[in-house]
Amino acid sequence: MREKTWIVLPAYNAELTLALTYSQIPSEFHGRVILVDDCSTDNTIEVAEKLGLIVISHPKNTGYGGNQKTCYTAAIEQGAEIVIMLHPDNQYDPRVLGIMSDLIELDNCDIVLGNRIRTRYEALSGGMPKWRYFINRASTFTENLLLGQTVGDFHSGLRGYSRDVLLSIPYELNSNKFAFDQEFLVEAVAQRFRIADIPIPVKYEENSSSISPVNTLKYGLGAINILIRFFLHRTRLYSDTRFLKRKLDD
């Protein structure tokens, strides 16, 4: 199945980290890497083309969620059975992509997340800001409790999905901003897809991307909003099409 696995890179101003990130992607996936550039102002596209990636360029900035929508649609159109989303900022370890693909192929799970936080010491010594660490821990604990999951890191930028997940979840209805990731996972829980994670080291480096405190707040509010909608939908007080399986003819 690894030959049916595609890697997607949602990119925005990734010129300084893209080549290093790509160099760590196992060679068996080369030729099946799609980079979607969200109207970068640097040389991300030029670097990607030199590396031989399949490049899709947005004519205007659509946001983090909008970028992912293009990523997944493009991979599905290429016939991908498994799609792994990797941030091209060298913050996540690409060497585990094959293991993530295998876990989905073996039908052990439908979704695999990279878990950066195994211990507080490792997370903080790896450069994760203290405020971000504590927000991550508090929100991940809360989401696990409310959703009945045991995920180690709900906010990872390394995520693998089966084709069935991407065909079932109507992600095109999700936010174009950072809330996209949280909305996607809550929708996956609503459809009872199995979520697992795999340990990866923490790497917060000088050129690693990181959302601002203001955007973190917006992201958090988006997570709260989707959780409220989820519980209203589950209790049948409100019907939300985002929690329903996409029709096959859509």
Foldseek 3Di string as FASTA:
>chain_A
DLLLEAEEEEDAQLVVQQVVQVVQAPPSRPVRYEYEYQPHPDCPVVVCVVSVHHYHYDPHGQEPLVSVVVRLVVSVVVVHQKYKYAYRQPFWRNNCVVVQVVCVVVVVFFKEFEAAPPDPVQQVVQPDDPVNVVVQVVVVVVCCVLLVHDERGLQGRIMMGGPQLVQWAPLVPDGRYSLSSLLSVLLCSLVPTGYYYDYTHGHDDDRGDDDDPVSVVVNVVSNVVSSVVSVCCVVVVDPDCRNGTDDNVD
